[in-house]
Amino acid sequence: MTTLNAQYYSENAELFYDATVNIDMTALYDEFLPLVKSNGAILDAGCGAGRDSKHFIEHGYTVQAFDASEMLVSLATALIKQPVQQALFQTFESDQKFDGIWACASLLHVPMNELHQVLQKLTSLLTTDGIFYCSFKLGNEEVTRNGRVFTNLDEESFEQYILDLPLYIVKQWRTGDLREGRESEQWLNVILRKETVNE
């Protein structure tokens, strides 16, 4: 996370929490969860308010969650009633392997020149046949907007970041923003599966 993004979430954590914690994510859960091992382990990578972790826990999954923002970590910990780790994508460590990784609207804060390395790291935390969901604002550039830096990707540019990784795309699709008044903003959603690698 850039210094600019860290400052934004430090100053606006409660506003962000209030704006996102109650969004109905059912349509995205319905794409992801049927592919993940029943009662499996999910990593909520960049968990924000903890909304998605709460849903996964309530549906029988074991969840490990982290976020870069100290304030959001505190709010998410209270929401899901279990510890949330404060970490960047670049600094997060775990001895566990996960059946699913959920990176909803979070990897978009990783700078373009660090994204491949972060995707490689997350892929190493997946079990074979594990499922990886991620989403980005639609585009093909790094932009600064409203006090935050975003890596925007489309279908073609995303694929460049996984060319040498043991991942294949199960599905790519576009959606409008689920927040009220922002429906015209387009998102790229991607579900990937980790392939068997002969080591």
N, C-alpha and C. Protein backbone atom coordinates (compact mmCIF):
# COMPACT_ATOMS: atom_id res chain seq x y z
N MET A 1 0.84 -1.19 0.00
CA MET A 1 0.00 0.00 0.00
C MET A 1 0.88 1.24 0.00
N THR A 2 0.55 2.19 -0.84
CA THR A 2 1.34 3.41 -0.90
C THR A 2 1.09 4.25 0.35
N THR A 3 1.99 5.19 0.58
CA THR A 3 1.83 6.12 1.72
C THR A 3 0.51 6.88 1.60
N LEU A 4 0.16 7.25 0.38
CA LEU A 4 -1.09 7.99 0.15
C LEU A 4 -2.29 7.15 0.55
N ASN A 5 -2.30 5.89 0.15
CA ASN A 5 -3.41 5.01 0.51
C ASN A 5 -3.47 4.78 2.02
N ALA A 6 -2.31 4.58 2.65
CA ALA A 6 -2.27 4.36 4.09
C ALA A 6 -2.85 5.56 4.83
N GLN A 7 -2.52 6.75 4.36
CA GLN A 7 -3.05 7.96 4.98
C GLN A 7 -4.57 8.04 4.80
N TYR A 8 -5.04 7.70 3.61
CA TYR A 8 -6.48 7.75 3.34
C TYR A 8 -7.24 6.84 4.30
N TYR A 9 -6.80 5.59 4.43
CA TYR A 9 -7.53 4.65 5.27
C TYR A 9 -7.37 4.94 6.76
N SER A 10 -6.26 5.58 7.13
CA SER A 10 -6.10 6.02 8.51
C SER A 10 -7.11 7.11 8.86
N GLU A 11 -7.32 8.01 7.92
CA GLU A 11 -8.21 9.15 8.16
C GLU A 11 -9.68 8.83 7.91
N ASN A 12 -9.96 7.80 7.11
CA ASN A 12 -11.33 7.53 6.68
C ASN A 12 -11.82 6.13 7.01
N ALA A 13 -11.17 5.45 7.94
CA ALA A 13 -11.49 4.04 8.21
C ALA A 13 -12.96 3.85 8.60
N GLU A 14 -13.46 4.68 9.49
CA GLU A 14 -14.84 4.49 9.95
C GLU A 14 -15.84 4.80 8.84
N LEU A 15 -15.55 5.82 8.03
CA LEU A 15 -16.42 6.12 6.89
C LEU A 15 -16.43 4.97 5.89
N PHE A 16 -15.25 4.42 5.62
CA PHE A 16 -15.13 3.29 4.70
C PHE A 16 -15.87 2.08 5.25
N TYR A 17 -15.69 1.82 6.53
CA TYR A 17 -16.38 0.70 7.18
C TYR A 17 -17.89 0.84 7.03
N ASP A 18 -18.40 2.01 7.38
CA ASP A 18 -19.85 2.24 7.32
C ASP A 18 -20.39 2.10 5.90
N ALA A 19 -19.57 2.51 4.92
CA ALA A 19 -20.02 2.49 3.52
C ALA A 19 -19.98 1.10 2.90
N THR A 20 -19.22 0.19 3.50
CA THR A 20 -19.01 -1.11 2.85
C THR A 20 -19.49 -2.31 3.65
N VAL A 21 -19.65 -2.18 4.94
CA VAL A 21 -19.89 -3.36 5.78
C VAL A 21 -21.21 -4.07 5.48
N ASN A 22 -22.21 -3.32 4.99
CA ASN A 22 -23.52 -3.92 4.75
C ASN A 22 -23.86 -4.14 3.28
N ILE A 23 -22.88 -3.99 2.39
CA ILE A 23 -23.14 -4.22 0.97
C ILE A 23 -23.48 -5.69 0.74
N ASP A 24 -24.51 -5.93 -0.06
CA ASP A 24 -24.92 -7.30 -0.37
C ASP A 24 -24.00 -7.88 -1.45
N MET A 25 -23.18 -8.83 -1.05
CA MET A 25 -22.18 -9.42 -1.95
C MET A 25 -22.60 -10.80 -2.45
N THR A 26 -23.86 -11.14 -2.27
CA THR A 26 -24.33 -12.50 -2.58
C THR A 26 -23.94 -12.96 -3.98
N ALA A 27 -24.09 -12.09 -4.97
CA ALA A 27 -23.80 -12.50 -6.35
C ALA A 27 -22.35 -12.93 -6.52
N LEU A 28 -21.44 -12.29 -5.81
CA LEU A 28 -20.03 -12.67 -5.90
C LEU A 28 -19.74 -13.92 -5.07
N TYR A 29 -20.33 -14.00 -3.88
CA TYR A 29 -20.16 -15.21 -3.08
C TYR A 29 -20.63 -16.44 -3.85
N ASP A 30 -21.72 -16.29 -4.59
CA ASP A 30 -22.31 -17.42 -5.33
C ASP A 30 -21.41 -17.89 -6.47
N GLU A 31 -20.51 -17.04 -6.93
CA GLU A 31 -19.54 -17.45 -7.95
C GLU A 31 -18.34 -18.17 -7.32
N PHE A 32 -17.96 -17.73 -6.13
CA PHE A 32 -16.72 -18.17 -5.49
C PHE A 32 -16.90 -19.41 -4.61
N LEU A 33 -17.83 -19.36 -3.68
CA LEU A 33 -17.91 -20.40 -2.65
C LEU A 33 -18.22 -21.80 -3.18
N PRO A 34 -19.07 -21.96 -4.21
CA PRO A 34 -19.31 -23.32 -4.70
C PRO A 34 -18.06 -24.02 -5.24
N LEU A 35 -17.03 -23.24 -5.57
CA LEU A 35 -15.79 -23.80 -6.10
C LEU A 35 -14.78 -24.14 -5.00
N VAL A 36 -15.01 -23.58 -3.81
CA VAL A 36 -14.08 -23.78 -2.69
C VAL A 36 -14.48 -25.02 -1.91
N LYS A 37 -13.50 -25.77 -1.47
CA LYS A 37 -13.73 -26.98 -0.66
C LYS A 37 -14.68 -26.67 0.49
N SER A 38 -15.68 -27.50 0.70
CA SER A 38 -16.65 -27.30 1.77
C SER A 38 -15.94 -27.25 3.12
N ASN A 39 -16.27 -26.23 3.92
CA ASN A 39 -15.66 -26.02 5.24
C ASN A 39 -14.14 -25.85 5.16
N GLY A 40 -13.67 -25.40 4.00
CA GLY A 40 -12.23 -25.24 3.80
C GLY A 40 -11.70 -23.96 4.43
N ALA A 41 -10.42 -23.72 4.19
CA ALA A 41 -9.73 -22.55 4.73
C ALA A 41 -9.67 -21.45 3.68
N ILE A 42 -10.11 -20.26 4.06
CA ILE A 42 -10.11 -19.11 3.16
C ILE A 42 -9.24 -18.00 3.73
N LEU A 43 -8.41 -17.41 2.89
CA LEU A 43 -7.64 -16.22 3.24
C LEU A 43 -8.37 -15.01 2.68
N ASP A 44 -8.80 -14.11 3.57
CA ASP A 44 -9.42 -12.85 3.14
C ASP A 44 -8.30 -11.81 3.10
N ALA A 45 -7.80 -11.58 1.90
CA ALA A 45 -6.59 -10.79 1.69
C ALA A 45 -6.95 -9.33 1.43
N GLY A 46 -6.70 -8.48 2.41
CA GLY A 46 -7.14 -7.10 2.34
C GLY A 46 -8.61 -7.04 2.70
N CYS A 47 -8.92 -7.43 3.92
CA CYS A 47 -10.31 -7.72 4.31
C CYS A 47 -11.17 -6.49 4.55
N GLY A 48 -10.56 -5.30 4.65
CA GLY A 48 -11.35 -4.10 4.86
C GLY A 48 -12.20 -4.20 6.11
N ALA A 49 -13.50 -4.02 5.96
CA ALA A 49 -14.42 -4.01 7.10
C ALA A 49 -14.59 -5.37 7.75
N GLY A 50 -14.21 -6.44 7.07
CA GLY A 50 -14.41 -7.77 7.61
C GLY A 50 -15.74 -8.39 7.20
N ARG A 51 -16.47 -7.70 6.35
CA ARG A 51 -17.80 -8.14 5.90
C ARG A 51 -17.76 -9.54 5.29
N ASP A 52 -16.80 -9.78 4.41
CA ASP A 52 -16.75 -11.05 3.70
C ASP A 52 -16.26 -12.17 4.61
N SER A 53 -15.28 -11.87 5.46
CA SER A 53 -14.83 -12.86 6.45
C SER A 53 -15.99 -13.32 7.31
N LYS A 54 -16.81 -12.40 7.74
CA LYS A 54 -17.97 -12.72 8.59
C LYS A 54 -18.89 -13.70 7.87
N HIS A 55 -19.15 -13.43 6.59
CA HIS A 55 -20.02 -14.32 5.81
C HIS A 55 -19.40 -15.71 5.69
N PHE A 56 -18.12 -15.78 5.40
CA PHE A 56 -17.46 -17.08 5.23
C PHE A 56 -17.49 -17.88 6.54
N ILE A 57 -17.20 -17.22 7.65
CA ILE A 57 -17.22 -17.89 8.96
C ILE A 57 -18.62 -18.42 9.26
N GLU A 58 -19.63 -17.60 8.98
CA GLU A 58 -21.01 -18.00 9.25
C GLU A 58 -21.44 -19.19 8.38
N HIS A 59 -20.74 -19.41 7.28
CA HIS A 59 -21.07 -20.52 6.39
C HIS A 59 -20.09 -21.69 6.53
N GLY A 60 -19.39 -21.74 7.65
CA GLY A 60 -18.63 -22.93 8.00
C GLY A 60 -17.18 -22.98 7.57
N TYR A 61 -16.68 -21.90 6.99
CA TYR A 61 -15.29 -21.88 6.54
C TYR A 61 -14.37 -21.40 7.66
N THR A 62 -13.14 -21.86 7.63
CA THR A 62 -12.10 -21.35 8.52
C THR A 62 -11.45 -20.16 7.82
N VAL A 63 -11.38 -19.03 8.50
CA VAL A 63 -10.93 -17.80 7.84
C VAL A 63 -9.72 -17.21 8.55
N GLN A 64 -8.74 -16.82 7.74
CA GLN A 64 -7.65 -15.97 8.21
C GLN A 64 -7.74 -14.68 7.42
N ALA A 65 -7.69 -13.55 8.11
CA ALA A 65 -7.88 -12.25 7.45
C ALA A 65 -6.75 -11.30 7.82
N PHE A 66 -6.41 -10.46 6.84
CA PHE A 66 -5.44 -9.39 7.12
C PHE A 66 -5.81 -8.14 6.35
N ASP A 67 -5.32 -7.01 6.84
CA ASP A 67 -5.51 -5.73 6.17
C ASP A 67 -4.36 -4.82 6.57
N ALA A 68 -4.07 -3.84 5.73
CA ALA A 68 -2.95 -2.94 6.00
C ALA A 68 -3.30 -1.83 6.98
N SER A 69 -4.58 -1.51 7.11
CA SER A 69 -5.01 -0.38 7.93
C SER A 69 -5.22 -0.80 9.38
N GLU A 70 -4.52 -0.14 10.29
CA GLU A 70 -4.65 -0.46 11.72
C GLU A 70 -6.08 -0.28 12.20
N MET A 71 -6.73 0.80 11.77
CA MET A 71 -8.11 1.07 12.18
C MET A 71 -9.07 0.02 11.63
N LEU A 72 -8.93 -0.34 10.37
CA LEU A 72 -9.81 -1.36 9.78
C LEU A 72 -9.57 -2.73 10.41
N VAL A 73 -8.33 -3.04 10.75
CA VAL A 73 -8.03 -4.29 11.45
C VAL A 73 -8.80 -4.34 12.77
N SER A 74 -8.81 -3.22 13.49
CA SER A 74 -9.53 -3.17 14.76
C SER A 74 -11.03 -3.34 14.56
N LEU A 75 -11.60 -2.65 13.57
CA LEU A 75 -13.03 -2.75 13.30
C LEU A 75 -13.42 -4.14 12.81
N ALA A 76 -12.60 -4.71 11.93
CA ALA A 76 -12.89 -6.05 11.40
C ALA A 76 -12.77 -7.11 12.49
N THR A 77 -11.77 -6.97 13.37
CA THR A 77 -11.61 -7.91 14.49
C THR A 77 -12.86 -7.94 15.35
N ALA A 78 -13.41 -6.76 15.63
CA ALA A 78 -14.63 -6.69 16.44
C ALA A 78 -15.81 -7.32 15.71
N LEU A 79 -15.87 -7.13 14.38
CA LEU A 79 -17.00 -7.66 13.61
C LEU A 79 -16.97 -9.18 13.54
N ILE A 80 -15.81 -9.76 13.28
CA ILE A 80 -15.75 -11.21 13.05
C ILE A 80 -15.40 -11.99 14.32
N LYS A 81 -15.10 -11.25 15.38
CA LYS A 81 -14.84 -11.87 16.70
C LYS A 81 -13.68 -12.86 16.67
N GLN A 82 -12.69 -12.52 15.89
CA GLN A 82 -11.43 -13.27 15.91
C GLN A 82 -10.34 -12.33 15.41
N PRO A 83 -9.08 -12.61 15.75
CA PRO A 83 -8.01 -11.68 15.39
C PRO A 83 -7.84 -11.51 13.88
N VAL A 84 -7.64 -10.28 13.47
CA VAL A 84 -7.28 -9.95 12.09
C VAL A 84 -5.85 -9.41 12.13
N GLN A 85 -5.02 -9.88 11.21
CA GLN A 85 -3.61 -9.49 11.21
C GLN A 85 -3.43 -8.19 10.45
N GLN A 86 -2.59 -7.30 10.98
CA GLN A 86 -2.23 -6.10 10.23
C GLN A 86 -0.99 -6.40 9.39
N ALA A 87 -1.15 -6.33 8.08
CA ALA A 87 -0.03 -6.63 7.18
C ALA A 87 -0.34 -6.08 5.79
N LEU A 88 0.71 -5.82 5.05
CA LEU A 88 0.61 -5.52 3.63
C LEU A 88 0.62 -6.83 2.85
N PHE A 89 0.17 -6.80 1.61
CA PHE A 89 0.33 -7.98 0.76
C PHE A 89 1.79 -8.41 0.71
N GLN A 90 2.67 -7.40 0.68
CA GLN A 90 4.10 -7.69 0.53
C GLN A 90 4.72 -8.27 1.81
N THR A 91 4.08 -8.04 2.97
CA THR A 91 4.67 -8.49 4.24
C THR A 91 3.89 -9.63 4.89
N PHE A 92 2.71 -9.95 4.40
CA PHE A 92 1.90 -11.01 5.02
C PHE A 92 2.62 -12.34 4.91
N GLU A 93 2.62 -13.09 6.01
CA GLU A 93 3.22 -14.43 6.03
C GLU A 93 2.26 -15.40 6.69
N SER A 94 2.23 -16.62 6.20
CA SER A 94 1.43 -17.67 6.82
C SER A 94 2.04 -19.02 6.51
N ASP A 95 2.01 -19.92 7.53
CA ASP A 95 2.47 -21.28 7.33
C ASP A 95 1.36 -22.15 6.75
N GLN A 96 0.16 -21.60 6.70
CA GLN A 96 -1.01 -22.35 6.26
C GLN A 96 -1.17 -22.29 4.75
N LYS A 97 -1.76 -23.34 4.19
CA LYS A 97 -2.19 -23.33 2.79
C LYS A 97 -3.71 -23.18 2.79
N PHE A 98 -4.21 -22.45 1.80
CA PHE A 98 -5.63 -22.11 1.78
C PHE A 98 -6.34 -22.74 0.59
N ASP A 99 -7.58 -23.16 0.82
CA ASP A 99 -8.41 -23.72 -0.25
C ASP A 99 -9.00 -22.60 -1.11
N GLY A 100 -9.06 -21.41 -0.56
CA GLY A 100 -9.55 -20.25 -1.32
C GLY A 100 -8.88 -18.98 -0.85
N ILE A 101 -8.61 -18.09 -1.79
CA ILE A 101 -8.13 -16.75 -1.45
C ILE A 101 -9.12 -15.76 -2.04
N TRP A 102 -9.55 -14.83 -1.20
CA TRP A 102 -10.53 -13.82 -1.56
C TRP A 102 -9.84 -12.47 -1.46
N ALA A 103 -9.66 -11.80 -2.59
CA ALA A 103 -9.01 -10.49 -2.62
C ALA A 103 -9.95 -9.52 -3.33
N CYS A 104 -11.00 -9.14 -2.62
CA CYS A 104 -12.06 -8.32 -3.20
C CYS A 104 -11.72 -6.84 -3.07
N ALA A 105 -11.51 -6.19 -4.20
CA ALA A 105 -11.23 -4.75 -4.22
C ALA A 105 -10.06 -4.38 -3.31
N SER A 106 -9.04 -5.24 -3.28
CA SER A 106 -7.89 -4.98 -2.41
C SER A 106 -6.57 -4.97 -3.17
N LEU A 107 -6.39 -5.92 -4.10
CA LEU A 107 -5.16 -5.94 -4.89
C LEU A 107 -5.00 -4.70 -5.76
N LEU A 108 -6.11 -3.99 -5.97
CA LEU A 108 -6.04 -2.77 -6.79
C LEU A 108 -5.20 -1.68 -6.14
N HIS A 109 -4.84 -1.86 -4.85
CA HIS A 109 -3.96 -0.89 -4.20
C HIS A 109 -2.49 -1.30 -4.25
N VAL A 110 -2.20 -2.43 -4.89
CA VAL A 110 -0.81 -2.84 -5.09
C VAL A 110 -0.28 -2.14 -6.34
N PRO A 111 0.86 -1.44 -6.25
CA PRO A 111 1.41 -0.78 -7.44
C PRO A 111 1.64 -1.77 -8.58
N MET A 112 1.46 -1.31 -9.81
CA MET A 112 1.61 -2.19 -10.97
C MET A 112 2.95 -2.92 -10.99
N ASN A 113 4.01 -2.24 -10.58
CA ASN A 113 5.33 -2.86 -10.68
C ASN A 113 5.58 -3.90 -9.57
N GLU A 114 4.63 -4.03 -8.63
CA GLU A 114 4.76 -5.03 -7.57
C GLU A 114 3.67 -6.11 -7.67
N LEU A 115 2.73 -5.95 -8.60
CA LEU A 115 1.56 -6.83 -8.65
C LEU A 115 1.92 -8.28 -8.98
N HIS A 116 2.80 -8.49 -9.93
CA HIS A 116 3.16 -9.86 -10.30
C HIS A 116 3.76 -10.59 -9.11
N GLN A 117 4.66 -9.94 -8.40
CA GLN A 117 5.31 -10.57 -7.24
C GLN A 117 4.28 -10.90 -6.16
N VAL A 118 3.31 -10.01 -5.94
CA VAL A 118 2.27 -10.25 -4.94
C VAL A 118 1.39 -11.42 -5.37
N LEU A 119 1.01 -11.48 -6.64
CA LEU A 119 0.20 -12.59 -7.13
C LEU A 119 0.95 -13.91 -7.00
N GLN A 120 2.25 -13.88 -7.27
CA GLN A 120 3.08 -15.07 -7.13
C GLN A 120 3.09 -15.54 -5.67
N LYS A 121 3.22 -14.60 -4.75
CA LYS A 121 3.24 -14.92 -3.32
C LYS A 121 1.91 -15.53 -2.88
N LEU A 122 0.80 -14.90 -3.28
CA LEU A 122 -0.51 -15.42 -2.90
C LEU A 122 -0.75 -16.81 -3.49
N THR A 123 -0.32 -17.01 -4.74
CA THR A 123 -0.48 -18.32 -5.37
C THR A 123 0.24 -19.40 -4.58
N SER A 124 1.37 -19.07 -4.01
CA SER A 124 2.14 -20.05 -3.23
C SER A 124 1.40 -20.46 -1.95
N LEU A 125 0.43 -19.65 -1.52
CA LEU A 125 -0.34 -19.95 -0.31
C LEU A 125 -1.58 -20.79 -0.61
N LEU A 126 -1.86 -21.04 -1.89
CA LEU A 126 -3.03 -21.82 -2.29
C LEU A 126 -2.70 -23.31 -2.34
N THR A 127 -3.67 -24.13 -1.94
CA THR A 127 -3.55 -25.57 -2.16
C THR A 127 -3.68 -25.84 -3.67
N THR A 128 -3.22 -27.00 -4.10
CA THR A 128 -3.46 -27.41 -5.48
C THR A 128 -4.97 -27.48 -5.70
N ASP A 129 -5.44 -26.94 -6.80
CA ASP A 129 -6.86 -26.81 -7.12
C ASP A 129 -7.56 -25.75 -6.29
N GLY A 130 -6.80 -24.99 -5.51
CA GLY A 130 -7.39 -23.89 -4.73
C GLY A 130 -7.93 -22.80 -5.64
N ILE A 131 -8.89 -22.04 -5.11
CA ILE A 131 -9.60 -21.01 -5.88
C ILE A 131 -9.20 -19.62 -5.41
N PHE A 132 -8.99 -18.73 -6.37
CA PHE A 132 -8.50 -17.38 -6.10
C PHE A 132 -9.45 -16.40 -6.78
N TYR A 133 -10.12 -15.56 -5.97
CA TYR A 133 -10.96 -14.49 -6.53
C TYR A 133 -10.29 -13.15 -6.30
N CYS A 134 -10.30 -12.30 -7.33
CA CYS A 134 -9.81 -10.93 -7.17
C CYS A 134 -10.61 -10.00 -8.06
N SER A 135 -10.56 -8.72 -7.73
CA SER A 135 -11.30 -7.73 -8.53
C SER A 135 -10.53 -6.42 -8.60
N PHE A 136 -10.71 -5.75 -9.73
CA PHE A 136 -10.03 -4.49 -10.00
C PHE A 136 -11.01 -3.54 -10.67
N LYS A 137 -10.82 -2.25 -10.43
CA LYS A 137 -11.55 -1.28 -11.23
C LYS A 137 -11.10 -1.44 -12.68
N LEU A 138 -12.05 -1.31 -13.59
CA LEU A 138 -11.77 -1.59 -14.99
C LEU A 138 -10.92 -0.48 -15.61
N GLY A 139 -9.88 -0.90 -16.34
CA GLY A 139 -8.99 0.05 -17.01
C GLY A 139 -7.67 -0.61 -17.34
N ASN A 140 -6.66 0.16 -17.59
CA ASN A 140 -5.33 -0.38 -17.85
C ASN A 140 -4.30 0.68 -17.53
N GLU A 141 -4.33 1.14 -16.27
CA GLU A 141 -3.42 2.20 -15.86
C GLU A 141 -3.39 2.30 -14.35
N GLU A 142 -2.35 2.98 -13.86
CA GLU A 142 -2.23 3.30 -12.44
C GLU A 142 -2.67 4.74 -12.28
N VAL A 143 -3.67 4.97 -11.43
CA VAL A 143 -4.24 6.31 -11.30
C VAL A 143 -4.35 6.72 -9.84
N THR A 144 -4.31 8.02 -9.61
CA THR A 144 -4.57 8.58 -8.28
C THR A 144 -5.91 9.28 -8.33
N ARG A 145 -6.80 8.88 -7.41
CA ARG A 145 -8.14 9.46 -7.42
C ARG A 145 -8.66 9.56 -5.99
N ASN A 146 -9.17 10.71 -5.64
CA ASN A 146 -9.77 10.93 -4.32
C ASN A 146 -8.87 10.46 -3.17
N GLY A 147 -7.60 10.78 -3.30
CA GLY A 147 -6.68 10.49 -2.21
C GLY A 147 -6.15 9.07 -2.15
N ARG A 148 -6.40 8.28 -3.19
CA ARG A 148 -5.90 6.90 -3.22
C ARG A 148 -5.29 6.58 -4.58
N VAL A 149 -4.34 5.63 -4.58
CA VAL A 149 -3.71 5.17 -5.82
C VAL A 149 -4.33 3.81 -6.18
N PHE A 150 -4.73 3.66 -7.45
CA PHE A 150 -5.37 2.43 -7.92
C PHE A 150 -4.60 1.85 -9.10
N THR A 151 -4.49 0.53 -9.12
CA THR A 151 -4.07 -0.20 -10.32
C THR A 151 -5.34 -0.72 -10.98
N ASN A 152 -5.67 -0.15 -12.13
CA ASN A 152 -6.87 -0.56 -12.88
C ASN A 152 -6.46 -1.54 -13.97
N LEU A 153 -7.25 -2.60 -14.15
CA LEU A 153 -6.91 -3.62 -15.14
C LEU A 153 -8.15 -4.04 -15.92
N ASP A 154 -7.91 -4.48 -17.17
CA ASP A 154 -8.97 -5.12 -17.95
C ASP A 154 -8.55 -6.58 -18.18
N GLU A 155 -9.35 -7.30 -18.93
CA GLU A 155 -9.10 -8.74 -19.12
C GLU A 155 -7.70 -9.00 -19.68
N GLU A 156 -7.32 -8.25 -20.71
CA GLU A 156 -6.04 -8.50 -21.37
C GLU A 156 -4.85 -8.12 -20.47
N SER A 157 -4.94 -6.98 -19.82
CA SER A 157 -3.80 -6.56 -19.00
C SER A 157 -3.65 -7.44 -17.77
N PHE A 158 -4.77 -7.92 -17.20
CA PHE A 158 -4.66 -8.82 -16.05
C PHE A 158 -3.89 -10.08 -16.42
N GLU A 159 -4.20 -10.64 -17.57
CA GLU A 159 -3.60 -11.92 -17.96
C GLU A 159 -2.08 -11.83 -18.05
N GLN A 160 -1.55 -10.64 -18.32
CA GLN A 160 -0.10 -10.48 -18.42
C GLN A 160 0.59 -10.74 -17.08
N TYR A 161 -0.14 -10.55 -15.98
CA TYR A 161 0.46 -10.71 -14.65
C TYR A 161 0.48 -12.15 -14.17
N ILE A 162 -0.18 -13.06 -14.88
CA ILE A 162 -0.22 -14.45 -14.43
C ILE A 162 0.38 -15.43 -15.45
N LEU A 163 1.03 -14.90 -16.47
CA LEU A 163 1.52 -15.74 -17.57
C LEU A 163 2.40 -16.89 -17.09
N ASP A 164 3.26 -16.64 -16.10
CA ASP A 164 4.19 -17.68 -15.67
C ASP A 164 3.80 -18.29 -14.32
N LEU A 165 2.54 -18.07 -13.91
CA LEU A 165 2.07 -18.61 -12.63
C LEU A 165 1.20 -19.84 -12.88
N PRO A 166 1.17 -20.76 -11.91
CA PRO A 166 0.38 -21.99 -12.09
C PRO A 166 -1.11 -21.74 -11.83
N LEU A 167 -1.66 -20.79 -12.54
CA LEU A 167 -3.06 -20.42 -12.39
C LEU A 167 -3.73 -20.45 -13.76
N TYR A 168 -4.97 -20.87 -13.79
CA TYR A 168 -5.73 -20.68 -15.02
C TYR A 168 -7.06 -20.02 -14.68
N ILE A 169 -7.55 -19.24 -15.62
CA ILE A 169 -8.75 -18.45 -15.40
C ILE A 169 -9.98 -19.34 -15.57
N VAL A 170 -10.77 -19.43 -14.52
CA VAL A 170 -12.04 -20.14 -14.56
C VAL A 170 -13.12 -19.25 -15.17
N LYS A 171 -13.10 -17.98 -14.76
CA LYS A 171 -14.12 -17.04 -15.24
C LYS A 171 -13.63 -15.62 -15.07
N GLN A 172 -13.93 -14.77 -16.04
CA GLN A 172 -13.74 -13.32 -15.95
C GLN A 172 -15.06 -12.66 -16.32
N TRP A 173 -15.46 -11.67 -15.54
CA TRP A 173 -16.69 -10.96 -15.89
C TRP A 173 -16.66 -9.56 -15.30
N ARG A 174 -17.49 -8.71 -15.88
CA ARG A 174 -17.57 -7.33 -15.43
C ARG A 174 -18.87 -7.08 -14.66
N THR A 175 -18.76 -6.23 -13.64
CA THR A 175 -19.94 -5.85 -12.87
C THR A 175 -19.91 -4.35 -12.61
N GLY A 176 -21.07 -3.80 -12.29
CA GLY A 176 -21.14 -2.42 -11.83
C GLY A 176 -20.83 -2.37 -10.35
N ASP A 177 -20.47 -1.20 -9.87
CA ASP A 177 -20.20 -1.02 -8.44
C ASP A 177 -21.48 -1.27 -7.64
N LEU A 178 -21.34 -1.94 -6.50
CA LEU A 178 -22.51 -2.28 -5.69
C LEU A 178 -22.90 -1.18 -4.70
N ARG A 179 -22.09 -0.13 -4.63
CA ARG A 179 -22.43 0.96 -3.72
C ARG A 179 -23.41 1.92 -4.37
N GLU A 180 -24.34 2.39 -3.57
CA GLU A 180 -25.40 3.26 -4.09
C GLU A 180 -24.80 4.52 -4.71
N GLY A 181 -25.28 4.83 -5.90
CA GLY A 181 -24.82 6.03 -6.59
C GLY A 181 -23.56 5.83 -7.42
N ARG A 182 -22.98 4.62 -7.36
CA ARG A 182 -21.73 4.37 -8.09
C ARG A 182 -21.88 3.21 -9.07
N GLU A 183 -23.13 2.91 -9.41
CA GLU A 183 -23.41 1.74 -10.25
C GLU A 183 -22.75 1.81 -11.61
N SER A 184 -22.44 3.02 -12.08
CA SER A 184 -21.84 3.18 -13.41
C SER A 184 -20.36 2.80 -13.43
N GLU A 185 -19.72 2.71 -12.26
CA GLU A 185 -18.31 2.31 -12.20
C GLU A 185 -18.20 0.83 -12.50
N GLN A 186 -17.31 0.47 -13.41
CA GLN A 186 -17.16 -0.92 -13.84
C GLN A 186 -16.00 -1.61 -13.14
N TRP A 187 -16.22 -2.89 -12.82
CA TRP A 187 -15.21 -3.71 -12.16
C TRP A 187 -14.92 -4.95 -13.00
N LEU A 188 -13.65 -5.37 -12.97
CA LEU A 188 -13.24 -6.65 -13.53
C LEU A 188 -13.16 -7.66 -12.40
N ASN A 189 -13.88 -8.76 -12.53
CA ASN A 189 -13.84 -9.85 -11.57
C ASN A 189 -13.17 -11.06 -12.21
N VAL A 190 -12.32 -11.74 -11.45
CA VAL A 190 -11.60 -12.89 -11.98
C VAL A 190 -11.61 -14.02 -10.94
N ILE A 191 -11.95 -15.22 -11.39
CA ILE A 191 -11.79 -16.42 -10.58
C ILE A 191 -10.75 -17.30 -11.25
N LEU A 192 -9.75 -17.72 -10.46
CA LEU A 192 -8.66 -18.54 -10.95
C LEU A 192 -8.58 -19.82 -10.13
N ARG A 193 -8.01 -20.85 -10.73
CA ARG A 193 -7.75 -22.11 -10.02
C ARG A 193 -6.26 -22.43 -10.14
N LYS A 194 -5.69 -22.91 -9.05
CA LYS A 194 -4.28 -23.29 -9.07
C LYS A 194 -4.12 -24.67 -9.67
N GLU A 195 -3.23 -24.76 -10.63
CA GLU A 195 -2.98 -26.02 -11.32
C GLU A 195 -1.99 -26.88 -10.56
N THR A 196 -2.01 -28.17 -10.87
CA THR A 196 -1.01 -29.08 -10.33
C THR A 196 0.35 -28.76 -10.93
N VAL A 197 1.34 -28.63 -10.08
CA VAL A 197 2.69 -28.33 -10.56
C VAL A 197 3.60 -29.51 -10.22
N ASN A 198 4.32 -29.97 -11.21
CA ASN A 198 5.29 -31.04 -10.96
C ASN A 198 6.58 -30.44 -10.43
N GLU A 199 6.84 -30.73 -9.15
CA GLU A 199 8.01 -30.12 -8.51
C GLU A 199 9.13 -31.14 -8.36
